[in-house]
Amino acid sequence: NIPSLDLTGKEQLIALYCDGNPINSIDIANLTNLVELSVSYTNISDIAIPNPEKIRFLNITATGIQNVDFSIFTSLESLACYNMANFMSELDLSNNPELRTLECSNSKITGLNLRNNAKLETLWCSNNNLTELDLTCNTLLRELDCRRQNMGMGPKLKLYLNEAQRTLWENIEYSHSEYVDVYFNGSEAAE
């Protein structure tokens, strides 16, 4: 366990992983070449990232971070922000066209905008507070877990898919049908 991290003289770092350490803050202002950053399971509640447009991998899982402007992370390919007790309720990733993987389960999210994420392949967003999820534009999606919204109580999640995603639904239907009503191409819920 490392309680603090001195990054003086480390300006050439392109990846920094300090997961699972009792770090309260971290100064990465001099790490302008960073493309991968993982601070999961730390005590960090705020972080200033230099050149966020270069970041391709970001993991802020189980931290105290509450709000992030993801629109400036234009090269982001993978985002992990699950187990976030006080995270923002609306997650808008519409300005992240390179996004391929999103893990945001257990974070009390009520809205998720993925309309401009055509390259998205993996989405894990279970155990949030979503009532609707439109994935019709995410035609490359191969892995999906969107079960147990609203703690598995209340109305089922309305999941919107396109006809090309029918196989995706068939692969997860057994584990999801109790929690999700799926609509293909805007039609009535599939049985």
C-alpha atoms as a PDB file:
ATOM      1  CA  ASN A   1       0.000   0.000   0.000  1.00  0.00           C
ATOM      2  CA  ILE A   2       1.301   3.373  -1.063  1.00  0.00           C
ATOM      3  CA  PRO A   3      -0.213   6.372   0.803  1.00  0.00           C
ATOM      4  CA  SER A   4       1.339   8.958  -1.561  1.00  0.00           C
ATOM      5  CA  LEU A   5       2.985   9.009  -4.939  1.00  0.00           C
ATOM      6  CA  ASP A   6       5.804  11.309  -6.085  1.00  0.00           C
ATOM      7  CA  LEU A   7       5.826  11.536  -9.870  1.00  0.00           C
ATOM      8  CA  THR A   8       8.619  14.099 -10.137  1.00  0.00           C
ATOM      9  CA  GLY A   9      10.835  13.302 -13.109  1.00  0.00           C
ATOM     10  CA  LYS A  10       8.291  10.860 -14.568  1.00  0.00           C
ATOM     11  CA  GLU A  11       7.070  13.158 -17.378  1.00  0.00           C
ATOM     12  CA  GLN A  12       7.438  10.450 -20.044  1.00  0.00           C
ATOM     13  CA  LEU A  13       4.973   8.040 -18.398  1.00  0.00           C
ATOM     14  CA  ILE A  14       2.232   6.935 -20.767  1.00  0.00           C
ATOM     15  CA  ALA A  15       0.418   4.647 -18.289  1.00  0.00           C
ATOM     16  CA  LEU A  16      -0.202   5.000 -14.572  1.00  0.00           C
ATOM     17  CA  TYR A  17      -1.919   2.356 -12.456  1.00  0.00           C
ATOM     18  CA  CYS A  18      -2.174   3.027  -8.721  1.00  0.00           C
ATOM     19  CA  ASP A  19      -5.235   0.912  -7.917  1.00  0.00           C
ATOM     20  CA  GLY A  20      -6.016  -0.280  -4.409  1.00  0.00           C
ATOM     21  CA  ASN A  21      -3.788   2.154  -2.552  1.00  0.00           C
ATOM     22  CA  PRO A  22      -4.918   4.556   0.198  1.00  0.00           C
ATOM     23  CA  ILE A  23      -4.038   7.621  -1.906  1.00  0.00           C
ATOM     24  CA  ASN A  24      -6.169  10.709  -1.197  1.00  0.00           C
ATOM     25  CA  SER A  25      -4.866  12.839  -4.052  1.00  0.00           C
ATOM     26  CA  ILE A  26      -2.413  12.634  -6.881  1.00  0.00           C
ATOM     27  CA  ASP A  27      -0.642  15.333  -8.869  1.00  0.00           C
ATOM     28  CA  ILE A  28      -0.277  14.247 -12.481  1.00  0.00           C
ATOM     29  CA  ALA A  29      -0.062  17.731 -14.023  1.00  0.00           C
ATOM     30  CA  ASN A  30       3.385  16.961 -15.466  1.00  0.00           C
ATOM     31  CA  LEU A  31       2.272  13.682 -17.099  1.00  0.00           C
ATOM     32  CA  THR A  32       1.271  15.189 -20.436  1.00  0.00           C
ATOM     33  CA  ASN A  33       1.921  11.944 -22.379  1.00  0.00           C
ATOM     34  CA  LEU A  34      -0.498   9.865 -20.309  1.00  0.00           C
ATOM     35  CA  VAL A  35      -2.877   7.655 -22.332  1.00  0.00           C
ATOM     36  CA  GLU A  36      -3.858   5.169 -19.594  1.00  0.00           C
ATOM     37  CA  LEU A  37      -4.881   6.070 -16.050  1.00  0.00           C
ATOM     38  CA  SER A  38      -6.284   3.800 -13.376  1.00  0.00           C
ATOM     39  CA  VAL A  39      -6.968   5.029  -9.831  1.00  0.00           C
ATOM     40  CA  SER A  40      -9.623   2.483  -8.836  1.00  0.00           C
ATOM     41  CA  TYR A  41     -10.222   1.620  -5.198  1.00  0.00           C
ATOM     42  CA  THR A  42      -8.348   4.683  -3.923  1.00  0.00           C
ATOM     43  CA  ASN A  43      -9.531   7.582  -1.761  1.00  0.00           C
ATOM     44  CA  ILE A  44      -9.202  10.064  -4.620  1.00  0.00           C
ATOM     45  CA  SER A  45     -12.205  12.381  -4.923  1.00  0.00           C
ATOM     46  CA  ASP A  46     -10.897  14.815  -7.550  1.00  0.00           C
ATOM     47  CA  ILE A  47      -8.266  14.581 -10.234  1.00  0.00           C
ATOM     48  CA  ALA A  48      -7.031  17.032 -12.853  1.00  0.00           C
ATOM     49  CA  ILE A  49      -5.877  15.177 -15.935  1.00  0.00           C
ATOM     50  CA  PRO A  50      -3.532  16.990 -18.331  1.00  0.00           C
ATOM     51  CA  ASN A  51      -4.360  16.534 -22.005  1.00  0.00           C
ATOM     52  CA  PRO A  52      -7.565  14.525 -21.410  1.00  0.00           C
ATOM     53  CA  GLU A  53      -8.002  14.287 -25.176  1.00  0.00           C
ATOM     54  CA  LYS A  54      -5.081  11.791 -25.193  1.00  0.00           C
ATOM     55  CA  ILE A  55      -6.567   9.414 -22.593  1.00  0.00           C
ATOM     56  CA  ARG A  56      -7.670   6.094 -24.129  1.00  0.00           C
ATOM     57  CA  PHE A  57      -8.196   4.089 -20.908  1.00  0.00           C
ATOM     58  CA  LEU A  58      -9.642   5.537 -17.705  1.00  0.00           C
ATOM     59  CA  ASN A  59     -10.545   3.597 -14.568  1.00  0.00           C
ATOM     60  CA  ILE A  60     -12.042   5.590 -11.672  1.00  0.00           C
ATOM     61  CA  THR A  61     -13.928   2.662 -10.142  1.00  0.00           C
ATOM     62  CA  ALA A  62     -14.820   2.857  -6.446  1.00  0.00           C
ATOM     63  CA  THR A  63     -13.300   6.274  -5.847  1.00  0.00           C
ATOM     64  CA  GLY A  64     -14.855   9.399  -4.351  1.00  0.00           C
ATOM     65  CA  ILE A  65     -14.974  11.128  -7.736  1.00  0.00           C
ATOM     66  CA  GLN A  66     -18.477  12.520  -8.214  1.00  0.00           C
ATOM     67  CA  ASN A  67     -18.483  14.406 -11.487  1.00  0.00           C
ATOM     68  CA  VAL A  68     -16.420  14.212 -14.666  1.00  0.00           C
ATOM     69  CA  ASP A  69     -16.794  16.089 -17.937  1.00  0.00           C
ATOM     70  CA  PHE A  70     -16.256  13.140 -20.253  1.00  0.00           C
ATOM     71  CA  SER A  71     -16.802  15.288 -23.360  1.00  0.00           C
ATOM     72  CA  ILE A  72     -13.128  16.356 -23.253  1.00  0.00           C
ATOM     73  CA  PHE A  73     -11.901  12.730 -23.341  1.00  0.00           C
ATOM     74  CA  THR A  74     -12.369  12.492 -27.120  1.00  0.00           C
ATOM     75  CA  SER A  75      -9.980   9.516 -27.600  1.00  0.00           C
ATOM     76  CA  LEU A  76     -11.458   7.441 -24.764  1.00  0.00           C
ATOM     77  CA  GLU A  77     -11.770   3.758 -25.726  1.00  0.00           C
ATOM     78  CA  SER A  78     -12.393   2.179 -22.328  1.00  0.00           C
ATOM     79  CA  LEU A  79     -14.085   3.637 -19.259  1.00  0.00           C
ATOM     80  CA  ALA A  80     -14.557   1.887 -15.924  1.00  0.00           C
ATOM     81  CA  CYS A  81     -16.628   3.809 -13.380  1.00  0.00           C
ATOM     82  CA  TYR A  82     -18.521   1.143 -11.447  1.00  0.00           C
ATOM     83  CA  ASN A  83     -19.208   0.934  -7.712  1.00  0.00           C
ATOM     84  CA  MET A  84     -19.495   4.716  -7.516  1.00  0.00           C
ATOM     85  CA  ALA A  85     -21.712   5.575  -4.524  1.00  0.00           C
ATOM     86  CA  ASN A  86     -22.002   9.322  -5.205  1.00  0.00           C
ATOM     87  CA  PHE A  87     -21.426   9.442  -8.948  1.00  0.00           C
ATOM     88  CA  MET A  88     -23.264  11.714 -11.362  1.00  0.00           C
ATOM     89  CA  SER A  89     -26.751  10.508 -12.254  1.00  0.00           C
ATOM     90  CA  GLU A  90     -26.571  11.261 -15.988  1.00  0.00           C
ATOM     91  CA  LEU A  91     -23.712   9.734 -17.942  1.00  0.00           C
ATOM     92  CA  ASP A  92     -23.359  11.414 -21.336  1.00  0.00           C
ATOM     93  CA  LEU A  93     -20.699   9.802 -23.494  1.00  0.00           C
ATOM     94  CA  SER A  94     -21.957  11.201 -26.785  1.00  0.00           C
ATOM     95  CA  ASN A  95     -18.653  13.015 -27.396  1.00  0.00           C
ATOM     96  CA  ASN A  96     -16.585   9.822 -27.047  1.00  0.00           C
ATOM     97  CA  PRO A  97     -16.859   8.228 -30.519  1.00  0.00           C
ATOM     98  CA  GLU A  98     -13.918   5.851 -29.910  1.00  0.00           C
ATOM     99  CA  LEU A  99     -15.522   4.221 -26.845  1.00  0.00           C
ATOM    100  CA  ARG A 100     -15.436   0.409 -27.079  1.00  0.00           C
ATOM    101  CA  THR A 101     -15.900  -0.670 -23.451  1.00  0.00           C
ATOM    102  CA  LEU A 102     -18.019   0.847 -20.696  1.00  0.00           C
ATOM    103  CA  GLU A 103     -18.304  -0.595 -17.200  1.00  0.00           C
ATOM    104  CA  CYS A 104     -20.628   1.539 -15.075  1.00  0.00           C
ATOM    105  CA  SER A 105     -22.576  -0.951 -12.939  1.00  0.00           C
ATOM    106  CA  ASN A 106     -23.573  -0.167  -9.357  1.00  0.00           C
ATOM    107  CA  SER A 107     -23.348   3.609  -9.755  1.00  0.00           C
ATOM    108  CA  LYS A 108     -26.969   4.874  -9.384  1.00  0.00           C
ATOM    109  CA  ILE A 109     -27.017   6.175 -12.962  1.00  0.00           C
ATOM    110  CA  THR A 110     -30.474   7.288 -14.170  1.00  0.00           C
ATOM    111  CA  GLY A 111     -29.526   8.293 -17.727  1.00  0.00           C
ATOM    112  CA  LEU A 112     -27.009   6.893 -20.193  1.00  0.00           C
ATOM    113  CA  ASN A 113     -26.401   8.509 -23.589  1.00  0.00           C
ATOM    114  CA  LEU A 114     -24.540   6.185 -25.968  1.00  0.00           C
ATOM    115  CA  ARG A 115     -26.044   7.358 -29.272  1.00  0.00           C
ATOM    116  CA  ASN A 116     -22.709   8.435 -30.807  1.00  0.00           C
ATOM    117  CA  ASN A 117     -20.740   5.395 -29.680  1.00  0.00           C
ATOM    118  CA  ALA A 118     -20.941   3.253 -32.812  1.00  0.00           C
ATOM    119  CA  LYS A 119     -17.757   1.361 -31.842  1.00  0.00           C
ATOM    120  CA  LEU A 120     -19.119   0.204 -28.458  1.00  0.00           C
ATOM    121  CA  GLU A 121     -18.594  -3.558 -28.038  1.00  0.00           C
ATOM    122  CA  THR A 122     -19.013  -4.122 -24.286  1.00  0.00           C
ATOM    123  CA  LEU A 123     -21.509  -2.509 -21.914  1.00  0.00           C
ATOM    124  CA  TRP A 124     -21.943  -3.476 -18.278  1.00  0.00           C
ATOM    125  CA  CYS A 125     -24.492  -1.179 -16.666  1.00  0.00           C
ATOM    126  CA  SER A 126     -26.407  -3.435 -14.265  1.00  0.00           C
ATOM    127  CA  ASN A 127     -27.639  -2.339 -10.846  1.00  0.00           C
ATOM    128  CA  ASN A 128     -28.256   1.304 -11.697  1.00  0.00           C
ATOM    129  CA  ASN A 129     -31.488   3.328 -11.833  1.00  0.00           C
ATOM    130  CA  LEU A 130     -32.102   3.282 -15.574  1.00  0.00           C
ATOM    131  CA  THR A 131     -35.667   3.076 -16.875  1.00  0.00           C
ATOM    132  CA  GLU A 132     -34.786   3.184 -20.606  1.00  0.00           C
ATOM    133  CA  LEU A 133     -31.691   2.264 -22.571  1.00  0.00           C
ATOM    134  CA  ASP A 134     -31.420   2.950 -26.307  1.00  0.00           C
ATOM    135  CA  LEU A 135     -28.692   0.863 -27.935  1.00  0.00           C
ATOM    136  CA  THR A 136     -30.030   0.933 -31.501  1.00  0.00           C
ATOM    137  CA  CYS A 137     -26.952   2.834 -32.733  1.00  0.00           C
ATOM    138  CA  ASN A 138     -24.490   0.463 -31.065  1.00  0.00           C
ATOM    139  CA  THR A 139     -24.448  -2.192 -33.764  1.00  0.00           C
ATOM    140  CA  LEU A 140     -21.046  -3.642 -32.764  1.00  0.00           C
ATOM    141  CA  LEU A 141     -22.239  -4.444 -29.230  1.00  0.00           C
ATOM    142  CA  ARG A 142     -21.316  -8.045 -28.328  1.00  0.00           C
ATOM    143  CA  GLU A 143     -21.447  -8.069 -24.513  1.00  0.00           C
ATOM    144  CA  LEU A 144     -24.285  -6.566 -22.493  1.00  0.00           C
ATOM    145  CA  ASP A 145     -25.362  -6.732 -18.872  1.00  0.00           C
ATOM    146  CA  CYS A 146     -28.162  -4.323 -17.982  1.00  0.00           C
ATOM    147  CA  ARG A 147     -30.036  -6.356 -15.359  1.00  0.00           C
ATOM    148  CA  ARG A 148     -31.462  -5.272 -12.022  1.00  0.00           C
ATOM    149  CA  GLN A 149     -32.198  -1.604 -12.537  1.00  0.00           C
ATOM    150  CA  ASN A 150     -33.805   0.130  -9.553  1.00  0.00           C
ATOM    151  CA  MET A 151     -32.547  -2.714  -7.347  1.00  0.00           C
ATOM    152  CA  GLY A 152     -34.685  -5.165  -9.319  1.00  0.00           C
ATOM    153  CA  MET A 153     -37.884  -3.493  -8.090  1.00  0.00           C
ATOM    154  CA  GLY A 154     -40.372  -1.348  -9.956  1.00  0.00           C
ATOM    155  CA  PRO A 155     -40.852  -1.324 -13.710  1.00  0.00           C
ATOM    156  CA  LYS A 156     -38.643  -3.312 -16.003  1.00  0.00           C
ATOM    157  CA  LEU A 157     -35.940  -1.560 -18.002  1.00  0.00           C
ATOM    158  CA  LYS A 158     -37.095  -0.653 -21.520  1.00  0.00           C
ATOM    159  CA  LEU A 159     -34.248  -1.789 -23.768  1.00  0.00           C
ATOM    160  CA  TYR A 160     -34.258  -0.586 -27.380  1.00  0.00           C
ATOM    161  CA  LEU A 161     -32.289  -2.659 -29.884  1.00  0.00           C
ATOM    162  CA  ASN A 162     -32.262  -2.909 -33.660  1.00  0.00           C
ATOM    163  CA  GLU A 163     -33.035  -6.077 -35.573  1.00  0.00           C
ATOM    164  CA  ALA A 164     -29.309  -6.752 -36.174  1.00  0.00           C
ATOM    165  CA  GLN A 165     -28.893  -7.079 -32.394  1.00  0.00           C
ATOM    166  CA  ARG A 166     -31.430  -9.909 -32.012  1.00  0.00           C
ATOM    167  CA  THR A 167     -28.653 -12.495 -31.489  1.00  0.00           C
ATOM    168  CA  LEU A 168     -27.203 -10.343 -28.712  1.00  0.00           C
ATOM    169  CA  TRP A 169     -30.592 -10.399 -26.960  1.00  0.00           C
ATOM    170  CA  GLU A 170     -31.010 -14.138 -27.510  1.00  0.00           C
ATOM    171  CA  ASN A 171     -27.626 -14.711 -25.820  1.00  0.00           C
ATOM    172  CA  ILE A 172     -28.643 -12.817 -22.650  1.00  0.00           C
ATOM    173  CA  GLU A 173     -32.433 -13.287 -22.640  1.00  0.00           C
ATOM    174  CA  TYR A 174     -32.406 -16.046 -20.019  1.00  0.00           C
ATOM    175  CA  SER A 175     -30.620 -13.893 -17.431  1.00  0.00           C
ATOM    176  CA  HIS A 176     -32.310 -10.616 -18.404  1.00  0.00           C
ATOM    177  CA  SER A 177     -35.974 -11.313 -19.232  1.00  0.00           C
ATOM    178  CA  GLU A 178     -37.067 -10.956 -15.587  1.00  0.00           C
ATOM    179  CA  TYR A 179     -35.683  -7.397 -15.486  1.00  0.00           C
ATOM    180  CA  VAL A 180     -35.874  -6.127 -19.086  1.00  0.00           C
ATOM    181  CA  ASP A 181     -38.503  -5.539 -21.766  1.00  0.00           C
ATOM    182  CA  VAL A 182     -36.787  -5.444 -25.137  1.00  0.00           C
ATOM    183  CA  TYR A 183     -38.067  -3.525 -28.167  1.00  0.00           C
ATOM    184  CA  PHE A 184     -36.675  -4.173 -31.637  1.00  0.00           C
ATOM    185  CA  ASN A 185     -36.853  -1.281 -34.110  1.00  0.00           C
ATOM    186  CA  GLY A 186     -39.362   0.538 -31.904  1.00  0.00           C
ATOM    187  CA  SER A 187     -41.874  -2.325 -31.939  1.00  0.00           C
ATOM    188  CA  GLU A 188     -43.786  -3.680 -28.950  1.00  0.00           C
ATOM    189  CA  ALA A 189     -41.898  -5.631 -26.330  1.00  0.00           C
ATOM    190  CA  ALA A 190     -40.598  -8.927 -27.629  1.00  0.00           C
ATOM    191  CA  GLU A 191     -41.775 -12.096 -25.929  1.00  0.00           C
END
